[in-house]
């Protein structure tokens, strides 16, 4: 429910009150003598879905943008006429649950802080995320998402497009571009400082840190996070619900991958930054695409009906453009996903071959103790480089035929030659007296 406070321009009092009477809206009028351009202030309650319709009608009656119109939350309204008005507008569909176009625009603008605050908070969140990744600490990484100020610009571009507010669109676009650059640059500088000052162990391999490695070779599931964040973000602000948790979700799609890209650059491995950088870009675009489609589906349109045609064409072009770029990136992520699947299949088949060989009667006295696949560093499409098998058996040396057989069988499942390293541990059994 909303309470609307509207200043009435001189000469428009009767017209506006007639509009409210025709709609069956209760109102209170107070005279206004502080400004000669306005004669009164009208207060009236409305169900949330009715705000946009009523304000558009009143504007057509002569209220221009220079008039003061304030829309605030109303906790409770006790009125039979209001209940009838609610039944008229609240019919349970998507459009009846959303806030007005005017409120949506104000909400989108309020979610974007000033540029200085935005830049500082983005840098801080990126530095915290970088520290969390290097510490391999999921809790610290989550903390970096909480302080990231990304939800406003991420959703503002979609809002600006559908309501024909190009200033909001370009400002949000500029913020997003600057935010991504700042996040990656801040992460790279901080990670480089940490590395050269030996705050982390000198021989730290970023591929061995789980929180980092999983973002250097992302898969298609990462795309679902961004699309879900975009839809959830738009629904949250369009229905007037809290956006705090959704902001964390959007930050989860952007800040950790940006930090991982910066770490890879600081470690002198620019190729390792490709996957995480692509993930950041595809997530940004996916959030915008999902938000744009959700807003249009929810029924938001520009205020001026003459702008409807051009806006529809603009929305169509941007949806197609975003969709094509996201599709290209999706193919890239799909290739990484397939590469990861191939590696997992190789590891499973190679282990199975080793176990099957050791079940052979000629090698029955040996047992497989450990099996490890060492990957190369060719991010984001990594492949097996070496297989290490730890085999236990009698104290004497195993026959060379065992190593040859293992090498041959394991390489049957590899796309390129893989080194096989066998570590033998002599086992001695002692019977208790």
Protein backbone atom coordinates (compact mmCIF):
# COMPACT_ATOMS: atom_id res chain seq x y z
CA UNK A 1 0.00 0.00 0.00
CA UNK A 2 1.14 3.53 -0.76
CA UNK A 3 0.22 7.01 0.44
CA UNK A 4 0.53 9.60 -2.32
CA UNK A 5 1.08 13.27 -1.50
CA UNK A 6 0.45 15.48 -4.52
CA UNK A 7 0.77 19.24 -4.95
CA UNK A 8 -2.03 20.65 -7.11
CA UNK A 9 -1.08 23.35 -9.66
CA UNK A 10 -3.20 26.45 -9.89
CA UNK A 11 -6.26 25.84 -12.03
CA UNK A 12 -6.03 22.03 -11.90
CA UNK A 13 -7.72 21.39 -8.57
CA UNK A 14 -11.15 20.40 -9.83
CA UNK A 15 -9.75 18.31 -12.68
CA UNK A 16 -7.54 16.26 -10.36
CA UNK A 17 -10.25 15.75 -7.73
CA UNK A 18 -12.69 14.63 -10.42
CA UNK A 19 -10.13 12.07 -11.58
CA UNK A 20 -9.82 10.70 -8.06
CA UNK A 21 -13.60 10.66 -7.58
CA UNK A 22 -14.07 8.71 -10.82
CA UNK A 23 -11.62 6.12 -9.56
CA UNK A 24 -13.36 5.84 -6.19
CA UNK A 25 -10.27 6.99 -4.34
CA UNK A 26 -10.50 8.51 -0.85
CA UNK A 27 -8.52 11.71 -0.47
CA UNK A 28 -7.84 14.62 1.86
CA UNK A 29 -7.18 18.13 0.56
CA UNK A 30 -5.30 20.86 2.40
CA UNK A 31 -4.89 24.39 1.08
CA UNK A 32 -1.40 25.50 0.09
CA UNK A 33 -0.42 29.15 0.43
CA UNK A 34 3.38 28.95 0.48
CA UNK A 35 3.70 29.05 -3.30
CA UNK A 36 1.40 30.81 -5.75
CA UNK A 37 1.95 28.13 -8.39
CA UNK A 38 0.14 25.56 -6.23
CA UNK A 39 -3.24 25.80 -4.52
CA UNK A 40 -3.50 22.60 -2.49
CA UNK A 41 -1.95 19.32 -1.43
CA UNK A 42 -3.92 16.11 -1.92
CA UNK A 43 -3.29 12.99 0.15
CA UNK A 44 -4.74 9.65 -0.97
CA UNK A 45 -3.97 5.95 -0.34
CA UNK A 46 -3.52 3.49 -3.21
CA UNK A 47 -2.78 -0.20 -3.62
CA UNK A 48 0.73 -0.58 -5.03
CA UNK A 49 -0.45 -1.76 -8.49
CA UNK A 50 -2.68 1.32 -8.84
CA UNK A 51 0.02 3.94 -8.27
CA UNK A 52 1.38 3.96 -11.81
CA UNK A 53 -2.07 4.01 -13.46
CA UNK A 54 -3.45 6.79 -11.28
CA UNK A 55 -0.34 8.97 -11.49
CA UNK A 56 -0.33 8.63 -15.29
CA UNK A 57 -3.97 9.77 -15.45
CA UNK A 58 -3.28 12.69 -13.14
CA UNK A 59 -0.28 13.71 -15.21
CA UNK A 60 -2.44 13.68 -18.32
CA UNK A 61 -4.80 16.00 -16.43
CA UNK A 62 -2.09 18.63 -16.14
CA UNK A 63 0.44 17.67 -13.48
CA UNK A 64 3.91 18.19 -14.88
CA UNK A 65 7.25 16.92 -13.59
CA UNK A 66 7.87 20.18 -11.71
CA UNK A 67 5.05 19.37 -9.29
CA UNK A 68 5.84 17.61 -6.05
CA UNK A 69 4.64 14.03 -5.90
CA UNK A 70 5.72 11.92 -2.94
CA UNK A 71 4.93 8.20 -2.65
CA UNK A 72 5.53 6.56 0.72
CA UNK A 73 4.71 3.18 2.26
CA UNK A 74 1.46 2.89 4.17
CA UNK A 75 1.26 0.18 6.80
CA UNK A 76 -2.53 0.06 7.21
CA UNK A 77 -5.51 1.66 5.48
CA UNK A 78 -8.97 1.18 6.98
CA UNK A 79 -11.58 2.03 4.35
CA UNK A 80 -14.29 0.14 2.47
CA UNK A 81 -13.59 2.12 -0.68
CA UNK A 82 -9.91 1.24 -0.41
CA UNK A 83 -10.73 -2.45 -0.14
CA UNK A 84 -12.82 -2.19 -3.31
CA UNK A 85 -9.91 -0.43 -5.02
CA UNK A 86 -7.54 -3.19 -3.90
CA UNK A 87 -9.82 -5.89 -5.31
CA UNK A 88 -9.88 -4.03 -8.62
CA UNK A 89 -6.10 -3.85 -9.03
CA UNK A 90 -4.71 -6.82 -7.11
CA UNK A 91 -5.59 -9.86 -9.19
CA UNK A 92 -2.63 -12.10 -8.36
CA UNK A 93 -0.64 -11.81 -11.59
CA UNK A 94 2.88 -10.47 -12.04
CA UNK A 95 1.84 -6.95 -12.93
CA UNK A 96 -0.35 -6.60 -9.84
CA UNK A 97 2.56 -7.42 -7.52
CA UNK A 98 4.98 -4.86 -8.92
CA UNK A 99 5.58 -1.31 -7.80
CA UNK A 100 4.91 1.65 -10.06
CA UNK A 101 7.24 2.79 -12.81
CA UNK A 102 7.93 5.98 -10.88
CA UNK A 103 8.89 4.04 -7.75
CA UNK A 104 11.01 1.62 -9.77
CA UNK A 105 13.01 4.46 -11.27
CA UNK A 106 13.56 6.03 -7.85
CA UNK A 107 14.57 2.66 -6.38
CA UNK A 108 17.07 1.98 -9.15
CA UNK A 109 18.63 5.42 -8.72
CA UNK A 110 18.81 5.07 -4.93
CA UNK A 111 20.65 1.73 -5.17
CA UNK A 112 23.56 3.37 -6.99
CA UNK A 113 25.80 5.31 -4.58
CA UNK A 114 27.89 8.32 -5.51
CA UNK A 115 30.84 7.50 -7.73
CA UNK A 116 33.44 8.01 -4.98
CA UNK A 117 31.63 5.66 -2.59
CA UNK A 118 31.04 3.15 -5.38
CA UNK A 119 34.71 3.12 -6.40
CA UNK A 120 36.01 2.84 -2.83
CA UNK A 121 33.61 0.04 -1.84
CA UNK A 122 34.35 -1.87 -5.06
CA UNK A 123 38.08 -1.70 -4.42
CA UNK A 124 37.65 -2.76 -0.79
CA UNK A 125 35.41 -5.70 -1.70
CA UNK A 126 37.87 -6.81 -4.38
CA UNK A 127 40.81 -6.64 -1.96
CA UNK A 128 38.88 -8.61 0.67
CA UNK A 129 37.89 -11.20 -1.94
CA UNK A 130 41.52 -11.51 -3.04
CA UNK A 131 42.62 -12.10 0.54
CA UNK A 132 39.88 -14.68 0.98
CA UNK A 133 40.88 -16.54 -2.18
CA UNK A 134 44.56 -16.60 -1.21
CA UNK A 135 43.62 -17.82 2.27
CA UNK A 136 41.30 -20.39 0.68
CA UNK A 137 38.60 -19.09 3.03
CA UNK A 138 34.99 -19.22 1.78
CA UNK A 139 33.84 -17.14 4.76
CA UNK A 140 36.09 -14.21 3.83
CA UNK A 141 35.00 -14.44 0.18
CA UNK A 142 31.36 -14.26 1.25
CA UNK A 143 32.19 -11.23 3.37
CA UNK A 144 33.57 -9.47 0.31
CA UNK A 145 30.26 -9.99 -1.48
CA UNK A 146 28.27 -8.35 1.31
CA UNK A 147 30.07 -5.01 0.96
CA UNK A 148 30.15 -4.93 -2.85
CA UNK A 149 27.93 -2.06 -4.18
CA UNK A 150 27.11 -3.74 -7.49
CA UNK A 151 23.36 -4.27 -7.45
CA UNK A 152 22.41 -0.69 -8.39
CA UNK A 153 24.42 -0.40 -11.61
CA UNK A 154 23.73 -4.03 -12.51
CA UNK A 155 19.97 -3.44 -12.50
CA UNK A 156 19.88 0.27 -13.36
CA UNK A 157 20.78 -0.33 -17.01
CA UNK A 158 17.77 -2.62 -17.46
CA UNK A 159 15.44 -0.21 -15.69
CA UNK A 160 16.70 2.71 -17.77
CA UNK A 161 16.11 0.78 -20.99
CA UNK A 162 12.49 -0.25 -20.39
CA UNK A 163 11.28 3.09 -19.01
CA UNK A 164 13.14 5.10 -21.66
CA UNK A 165 15.55 6.78 -19.25
CA UNK A 166 18.76 6.83 -21.26
CA UNK A 167 20.59 8.90 -18.64
CA UNK A 168 20.04 6.12 -16.09
CA UNK A 169 21.07 3.50 -18.66
CA UNK A 170 24.35 5.12 -19.62
CA UNK A 171 25.23 6.00 -16.03
CA UNK A 172 24.65 2.39 -14.97
CA UNK A 173 26.63 1.12 -17.96
CA UNK A 174 29.53 3.41 -17.08
CA UNK A 175 29.45 2.28 -13.46
CA UNK A 176 29.50 -1.38 -14.47
CA UNK A 177 32.48 -0.98 -16.81
CA UNK A 178 34.43 1.01 -14.26
CA UNK A 179 33.48 -1.44 -11.51
CA UNK A 180 34.81 -4.47 -13.41
CA UNK A 181 38.06 -2.68 -14.29
CA UNK A 182 38.53 -1.46 -10.72
CA UNK A 183 37.83 -4.88 -9.23
CA UNK A 184 40.34 -6.70 -11.44
CA UNK A 185 42.98 -3.97 -11.13
CA UNK A 186 42.66 -3.72 -7.34
CA UNK A 187 42.91 -7.51 -7.02
CA UNK A 188 45.99 -7.64 -9.27
CA UNK A 189 47.79 -4.85 -7.41
CA UNK A 190 46.98 -6.26 -3.97
CA UNK A 191 47.93 -9.82 -4.98
CA UNK A 192 51.21 -8.58 -6.47
CA UNK A 193 52.05 -6.74 -3.25
CA UNK A 194 51.25 -9.84 -1.21
CA UNK A 195 53.44 -11.95 -3.45
CA UNK A 196 56.53 -9.71 -3.57
CA UNK A 197 56.45 -9.13 0.20
CA UNK A 198 56.24 -12.90 0.84
CA UNK A 199 53.09 -12.60 2.91
CA UNK A 200 52.08 -15.85 1.24
CA UNK A 201 54.55 -18.73 0.80
CA UNK A 202 56.94 -18.00 -2.10
CA UNK A 203 56.18 -21.27 -3.83
CA UNK A 204 52.41 -20.97 -3.64
CA UNK A 205 50.78 -22.44 -6.75
CA UNK A 206 47.41 -20.80 -7.34
CA UNK A 207 46.18 -23.91 -9.13
CA UNK A 208 46.44 -25.79 -5.83
CA UNK A 209 44.15 -23.35 -3.98
CA UNK A 210 40.60 -24.64 -4.39
CA UNK A 211 38.89 -21.23 -4.06
CA UNK A 212 41.07 -19.89 -6.89
CA UNK A 213 41.35 -22.88 -9.22
CA UNK A 214 37.60 -23.38 -9.50
CA UNK A 215 37.26 -19.82 -10.83
CA UNK A 216 40.16 -20.08 -13.26
CA UNK A 217 38.35 -22.84 -15.14
CA UNK A 218 34.61 -22.02 -14.76
CA UNK A 219 31.85 -24.14 -16.26
CA UNK A 220 28.31 -23.62 -17.50
CA UNK A 221 26.82 -23.80 -14.02
CA UNK A 222 28.39 -20.39 -13.35
CA UNK A 223 26.04 -18.91 -15.95
CA UNK A 224 23.01 -20.05 -13.95
CA UNK A 225 24.19 -17.95 -10.99
CA UNK A 226 24.28 -14.76 -13.04
CA UNK A 227 20.93 -15.36 -14.76
CA UNK A 228 19.30 -16.20 -11.43
CA UNK A 229 20.82 -13.11 -9.83
CA UNK A 230 19.49 -10.87 -12.59
CA UNK A 231 15.95 -12.22 -12.39
CA UNK A 232 15.93 -12.22 -8.58
CA UNK A 233 17.34 -8.69 -8.43
CA UNK A 234 14.68 -7.25 -10.71
CA UNK A 235 11.87 -9.11 -8.94
CA UNK A 236 13.11 -7.88 -5.57
CA UNK A 237 13.12 -4.19 -6.50
CA UNK A 238 10.02 -4.45 -8.71
CA UNK A 239 7.99 -5.86 -5.82
CA UNK A 240 9.44 -3.52 -3.23
CA UNK A 241 11.07 -6.30 -1.19
CA UNK A 242 14.53 -6.29 0.36
CA UNK A 243 17.40 -6.35 -2.13
CA UNK A 244 20.24 -6.91 0.35
CA UNK A 245 20.55 -10.66 -0.12
CA UNK A 246 20.07 -10.38 -3.88
CA UNK A 247 22.91 -7.87 -3.93
CA UNK A 248 25.12 -10.50 -2.33
CA UNK A 249 24.09 -12.96 -5.04
CA UNK A 250 24.99 -10.52 -7.81
CA UNK A 251 28.31 -9.80 -6.12
CA UNK A 252 28.94 -13.55 -5.90
CA UNK A 253 28.77 -13.69 -9.69
CA UNK A 254 31.22 -10.81 -10.18
CA UNK A 255 33.65 -10.10 -7.34
CA UNK A 256 35.33 -13.52 -6.73
CA UNK A 257 35.98 -14.17 -10.46
CA UNK A 258 37.38 -10.64 -10.84
CA UNK A 259 39.66 -11.25 -7.85
CA UNK A 260 40.78 -14.60 -9.33
CA UNK A 261 41.65 -12.86 -12.61
CA UNK A 262 43.71 -10.28 -10.74
CA UNK A 263 45.56 -12.99 -8.79
CA UNK A 264 46.43 -14.86 -11.99
CA UNK A 265 47.86 -11.66 -13.49
CA UNK A 266 49.86 -10.94 -10.33
CA UNK A 267 51.30 -14.46 -10.49
CA UNK A 268 52.47 -13.84 -14.03
CA UNK A 269 49.98 -16.26 -15.59
CA UNK A 270 47.82 -14.14 -17.92
CA UNK A 271 46.48 -17.21 -19.70
CA UNK A 272 45.10 -18.43 -16.38
CA UNK A 273 43.13 -15.19 -16.11
CA UNK A 274 41.23 -15.83 -19.35
CA UNK A 275 38.62 -18.13 -17.86
CA UNK A 276 37.85 -15.95 -14.84
CA UNK A 277 37.79 -12.76 -16.94
CA UNK A 278 35.34 -14.36 -19.37
CA UNK A 279 33.28 -15.45 -16.37
CA UNK A 280 33.10 -11.86 -15.10
CA UNK A 281 32.04 -10.54 -18.51
CA UNK A 282 29.44 -13.21 -19.15
CA UNK A 283 28.02 -12.74 -15.65
CA UNK A 284 27.71 -8.96 -16.12
CA UNK A 285 25.97 -9.41 -19.45
CA UNK A 286 23.73 -12.20 -18.14
CA UNK A 287 22.56 -10.10 -15.19
CA UNK A 288 21.64 -7.29 -17.59
CA UNK A 289 19.92 -9.64 -20.02
CA UNK A 290 17.91 -11.41 -17.33
CA UNK A 291 16.93 -8.10 -15.76
CA UNK A 292 15.84 -6.61 -19.07
CA UNK A 293 13.64 -9.57 -19.99
CA UNK A 294 12.12 -9.76 -16.51
CA UNK A 295 11.21 -6.06 -16.46
CA UNK A 296 9.58 -6.23 -19.88
CA UNK A 297 7.64 -9.34 -18.89
CA UNK A 298 6.49 -7.60 -15.69
CA UNK A 299 4.81 -4.96 -17.84
CA UNK A 300 7.03 -1.91 -17.41
CA UNK A 301 6.79 0.54 -20.28
CA UNK A 302 7.90 4.16 -20.87
CA UNK A 303 5.79 6.99 -19.48
CA UNK A 304 5.19 8.62 -22.85
CA UNK A 305 3.14 6.41 -25.17
CA UNK A 306 4.80 8.04 -28.16
CA UNK A 307 8.07 6.55 -26.87
CA UNK A 308 6.65 3.02 -26.72
CA UNK A 309 7.55 2.07 -30.29
CA UNK A 310 11.15 3.32 -30.15
CA UNK A 311 11.57 1.79 -26.69
CA UNK A 312 10.33 -1.60 -27.87
CA UNK A 313 12.79 -1.47 -30.75
CA UNK A 314 15.61 -0.45 -28.39
CA UNK A 315 14.77 -3.26 -25.97
CA UNK A 316 14.67 -5.74 -28.85
CA UNK A 317 18.07 -4.64 -30.15
CA UNK A 318 19.69 -4.79 -26.73
CA UNK A 319 18.18 -8.17 -25.92
CA UNK A 320 19.42 -9.59 -29.22
CA UNK A 321 22.86 -8.00 -28.78
CA UNK A 322 23.23 -9.24 -25.21
CA UNK A 323 21.88 -12.65 -26.16
CA UNK A 324 24.39 -13.11 -28.99
CA UNK A 325 27.35 -12.09 -26.83
CA UNK A 326 26.20 -14.29 -23.93
CA UNK A 327 25.76 -17.17 -26.38
CA UNK A 328 29.35 -16.76 -27.62
CA UNK A 329 30.64 -16.77 -24.06
CA UNK A 330 28.38 -19.71 -23.28
CA UNK A 331 30.06 -21.72 -26.03
CA UNK A 332 33.41 -20.87 -24.44
CA UNK A 333 32.18 -21.99 -21.00
CA UNK A 334 30.71 -25.08 -22.61
CA UNK A 335 34.12 -25.96 -24.03
CA UNK A 336 35.64 -25.61 -20.56
CA UNK A 337 32.86 -27.78 -19.14
CA UNK A 338 33.51 -30.44 -21.76
CA UNK A 339 37.24 -30.30 -21.02
CA UNK A 340 36.55 -30.83 -17.31
CA UNK A 341 34.24 -33.72 -18.14
CA UNK A 342 36.90 -35.31 -20.32
CA UNK A 343 39.44 -35.02 -17.51
CA UNK A 344 37.05 -36.56 -15.00
CA UNK A 345 36.27 -39.41 -17.43
CA UNK A 346 39.99 -40.00 -18.01
CA UNK A 347 40.69 -40.17 -14.28
CA UNK A 348 37.84 -42.62 -13.70
CA UNK A 349 38.83 -44.85 -16.63
CA UNK A 350 42.54 -44.74 -15.78
CA UNK A 351 41.87 -45.72 -12.19
CA UNK A 352 39.62 -48.51 -13.37
CA UNK A 353 42.32 -49.81 -15.72
CA UNK A 354 44.90 -49.82 -12.91
CA UNK A 355 42.59 -51.67 -10.54
CA UNK A 356 41.60 -54.15 -13.23
CA UNK A 357 45.24 -54.86 -14.11
CA UNK A 358 46.16 -55.48 -10.50
CA UNK A 359 43.35 -58.01 -10.27
CA UNK A 360 45.11 -60.05 -12.97
CA UNK A 361 46.62 -63.28 -11.65
CA UNK A 362 50.14 -62.21 -12.69
CA UNK A 363 49.95 -59.07 -10.49
CA UNK A 364 47.56 -60.22 -7.78
CA UNK A 365 50.20 -59.72 -5.07
CA UNK A 366 50.17 -55.95 -5.64
CA UNK A 367 47.54 -53.45 -4.52
CA UNK A 368 46.78 -49.87 -5.50
CA UNK A 369 47.30 -47.57 -2.53
CA UNK A 370 46.95 -44.13 -4.13
CA UNK A 371 46.01 -42.75 -7.52
CA UNK A 372 46.65 -39.13 -8.52
CA UNK A 373 46.29 -37.20 -11.79
CA UNK A 374 48.56 -34.17 -12.19
CA UNK A 375 47.14 -31.49 -14.51
CA UNK A 376 49.09 -29.12 -16.74
CA UNK A 377 48.86 -25.33 -16.33
CA UNK A 378 47.26 -24.58 -19.71
CA UNK A 379 44.25 -22.68 -18.37
CA UNK A 380 41.39 -22.68 -18.95
CA UNK A 381 41.51 -25.95 -20.93
CA UNK A 382 43.62 -28.10 -18.65
CA UNK A 383 44.50 -31.68 -19.50
CA UNK A 384 46.25 -34.57 -17.69
CA UNK A 385 50.04 -34.30 -17.72
CA UNK A 386 51.12 -37.09 -15.40
CA UNK A 387 49.56 -39.96 -13.49
CA UNK A 388 51.11 -41.05 -10.21
CA UNK A 389 50.29 -44.51 -8.87
CA UNK A 390 51.39 -45.69 -5.45
CA UNK A 391 51.47 -49.49 -5.39
CA UNK A 392 52.15 -51.74 -2.44
CA UNK A 393 53.44 -55.29 -2.54
CA UNK A 394 56.24 -57.64 -1.55
CA UNK A 395 59.58 -56.03 -0.61
CA UNK A 396 61.26 -57.08 -3.85
CA UNK A 397 61.14 -54.88 -6.94
CA UNK A 398 58.01 -55.25 -9.10
CA UNK A 399 58.52 -56.65 -12.60
CA UNK A 400 58.98 -54.08 -15.41
CA UNK A 401 56.02 -55.64 -17.20
CA UNK A 402 53.74 -54.04 -14.59
CA UNK A 403 54.92 -50.51 -15.42
CA UNK A 404 54.67 -51.14 -19.16
CA UNK A 405 51.17 -52.53 -18.85
CA UNK A 406 49.99 -49.63 -16.69
CA UNK A 407 51.47 -47.06 -19.09
CA UNK A 408 49.82 -48.69 -22.08
CA UNK A 409 46.40 -49.13 -20.50
CA UNK A 410 46.21 -45.64 -19.00
CA UNK A 411 47.25 -43.93 -22.23
CA UNK A 412 44.46 -45.70 -24.08
CA UNK A 413 42.08 -43.19 -22.47
CA UNK A 414 44.22 -40.07 -22.96
CA UNK A 415 43.88 -37.68 -25.91
CA UNK A 416 47.64 -37.07 -25.80
CA UNK A 417 50.53 -38.98 -24.25
CA UNK A 418 50.50 -38.95 -20.46
CA UNK A 419 53.52 -39.82 -18.29
CA UNK A 420 52.90 -42.59 -15.80
CA UNK A 421 54.92 -42.55 -12.59
CA UNK A 422 54.85 -45.59 -10.32
CA UNK A 423 55.84 -45.38 -6.69
CA UNK A 424 56.37 -48.74 -5.08
CA UNK A 425 56.07 -49.40 -1.36
CA UNK A 426 57.21 -52.73 0.02
CA UNK A 427 54.75 -54.23 2.42
CA UNK A 428 55.74 -56.73 5.10
CA UNK A 429 53.12 -58.76 6.93
CA UNK A 430 53.89 -60.10 10.38
CA UNK A 431 51.77 -62.63 12.12
CA UNK A 432 50.98 -62.14 15.78
CA UNK A 433 52.16 -64.85 18.11
